[in-house]
Amino acid sequence: MSKRLYVGNLPYTFESKDLETLFETYGKVVSVRIVIDRESGKSKGFGFVEMTTDDEGKLAITKLHGKDVGGRPLKVTEATPEQDRPVGGNRFGGSRAGGFRKK
């Protein structure tokens, strides 16, 4: 069974290929995704890597969590399942306007 990992505190210049290269030392990489900000088109500094097996994922966590990459200590953990998110643009479930009114 594959293992999906969360990778945080990435250098903002990192690309998917860089992330794949970093992780393939510890096993076969099934997929890589760096999260991109919709408005700026730039990396948000975190992403996800899927490894072929649980053992490979655990090895990657052990070896890479805290490792200095580009002057930043990586945060590598097992990814948690995505939860249902409210429709809308902000954490309160509303639009980007936010629902605050000027008086």
Protein backbone atom coordinates (compact mmCIF):
# COMPACT_ATOMS: atom_id res chain seq x y z
CA MET A 1 0.00 0.00 0.00
CA SER A 2 1.34 3.46 -0.85
CA LYS A 3 2.17 6.16 1.70
CA ARG A 4 1.20 9.81 1.14
CA LEU A 5 3.47 12.35 2.84
CA TYR A 6 3.10 16.03 3.66
CA VAL A 7 6.25 18.08 3.03
CA GLY A 8 6.32 21.54 4.59
CA ASN A 9 8.76 24.42 4.80
CA LEU A 10 9.96 23.91 1.22
CA PRO A 11 12.08 26.58 -0.42
CA TYR A 12 9.73 28.69 -2.56
CA THR A 13 11.95 28.03 -5.59
CA PHE A 14 11.47 24.25 -5.35
CA GLU A 15 9.76 22.57 -8.30
CA SER A 16 8.14 19.15 -8.53
CA LYS A 17 11.24 17.59 -10.10
CA ASP A 18 13.40 18.88 -7.20
CA LEU A 19 11.03 17.31 -4.68
CA GLU A 20 10.93 14.02 -6.59
CA THR A 21 14.74 13.89 -6.74
CA LEU A 22 14.97 14.51 -2.99
CA PHE A 23 12.59 11.64 -2.16
CA GLU A 24 13.58 9.03 -4.75
CA THR A 25 16.73 8.30 -2.73
CA TYR A 26 14.45 6.56 -0.22
CA GLY A 27 12.19 4.63 -2.59
CA LYS A 28 9.96 4.79 -5.64
CA VAL A 29 7.99 8.02 -5.92
CA VAL A 30 4.47 7.53 -7.28
CA SER A 31 3.46 11.22 -7.43
CA VAL A 32 4.60 14.67 -6.38
CA ARG A 33 2.56 17.86 -5.99
CA ILE A 34 3.71 21.28 -4.84
CA VAL A 35 0.81 23.51 -3.80
CA ILE A 36 0.66 26.74 -5.80
CA ASP A 37 -1.08 29.98 -4.80
CA ARG A 38 -3.89 30.66 -7.28
CA GLU A 39 -3.42 34.42 -7.33
CA SER A 40 0.36 34.72 -7.51
CA GLY A 41 1.14 31.44 -9.28
CA LYS A 42 3.99 30.87 -6.81
CA SER A 43 4.66 28.00 -4.44
CA LYS A 44 3.04 28.14 -1.00
CA GLY A 45 6.06 26.32 0.45
CA PHE A 46 4.48 22.90 0.95
CA GLY A 47 3.48 19.87 -1.05
CA PHE A 48 2.75 16.16 -1.08
CA VAL A 49 4.75 13.10 -2.11
CA GLU A 50 3.34 9.61 -2.55
CA MET A 51 5.76 6.73 -2.04
CA THR A 52 5.16 3.17 -3.24
CA THR A 53 5.14 1.47 0.17
CA ASP A 54 4.59 2.32 3.83
CA ASP A 55 8.18 1.32 4.61
CA GLU A 56 9.59 3.69 1.98
CA GLY A 57 7.39 6.49 3.30
CA LYS A 58 8.49 5.87 6.89
CA LEU A 59 12.15 5.83 5.81
CA ALA A 60 11.73 9.13 3.96
CA ILE A 61 10.10 10.69 7.04
CA THR A 62 12.95 9.47 9.26
CA LYS A 63 15.68 10.71 6.92
CA LEU A 64 14.18 13.98 5.69
CA HIS A 65 12.20 15.45 8.61
CA GLY A 66 14.30 18.35 9.90
CA LYS A 67 16.82 18.14 7.04
CA ASP A 68 18.11 21.54 5.94
CA VAL A 69 17.14 22.22 2.33
CA GLY A 70 17.87 25.67 0.97
CA GLY A 71 18.36 27.01 4.49
CA ARG A 72 15.00 25.70 5.69
CA PRO A 73 14.37 22.63 7.89
CA LEU A 74 11.85 20.38 6.15
CA LYS A 75 8.74 19.16 7.91
CA VAL A 76 7.92 15.68 6.64
CA THR A 77 4.97 13.80 8.11
CA GLU A 78 2.32 11.33 7.06
CA ALA A 79 -0.38 13.27 5.20
CA THR A 80 -3.82 13.38 6.77
CA PRO A 81 -6.89 12.83 4.60
CA GLU A 82 -8.45 15.95 3.14
CA GLN A 83 -11.55 17.00 5.02
CA ASP A 84 -14.70 18.39 3.49
CA ARG A 85 -14.29 22.12 3.11
CA PRO A 86 -17.11 24.64 2.98
CA VAL A 87 -17.95 26.14 -0.38
CA GLY A 88 -16.56 29.64 -0.61
CA GLY A 89 -13.29 31.40 -0.42
CA ASN A 90 -12.50 31.80 3.25
CA ARG A 91 -12.36 29.71 6.40
CA PHE A 92 -15.80 30.90 7.49
CA GLY A 93 -17.47 29.44 4.40
CA GLY A 94 -18.28 32.77 2.79
CA SER A 95 -16.97 34.63 -0.18
CA ARG A 96 -13.70 36.53 -0.40
CA ALA A 97 -15.62 39.67 0.53
CA GLY A 98 -15.72 38.22 4.01
CA GLY A 99 -19.11 39.44 5.17
CA PHE A 100 -17.86 42.50 7.02
CA ARG A 101 -19.61 45.76 6.23
CA LYS A 102 -18.30 49.26 6.46
CA LYS A 103 -20.52 51.64 8.37
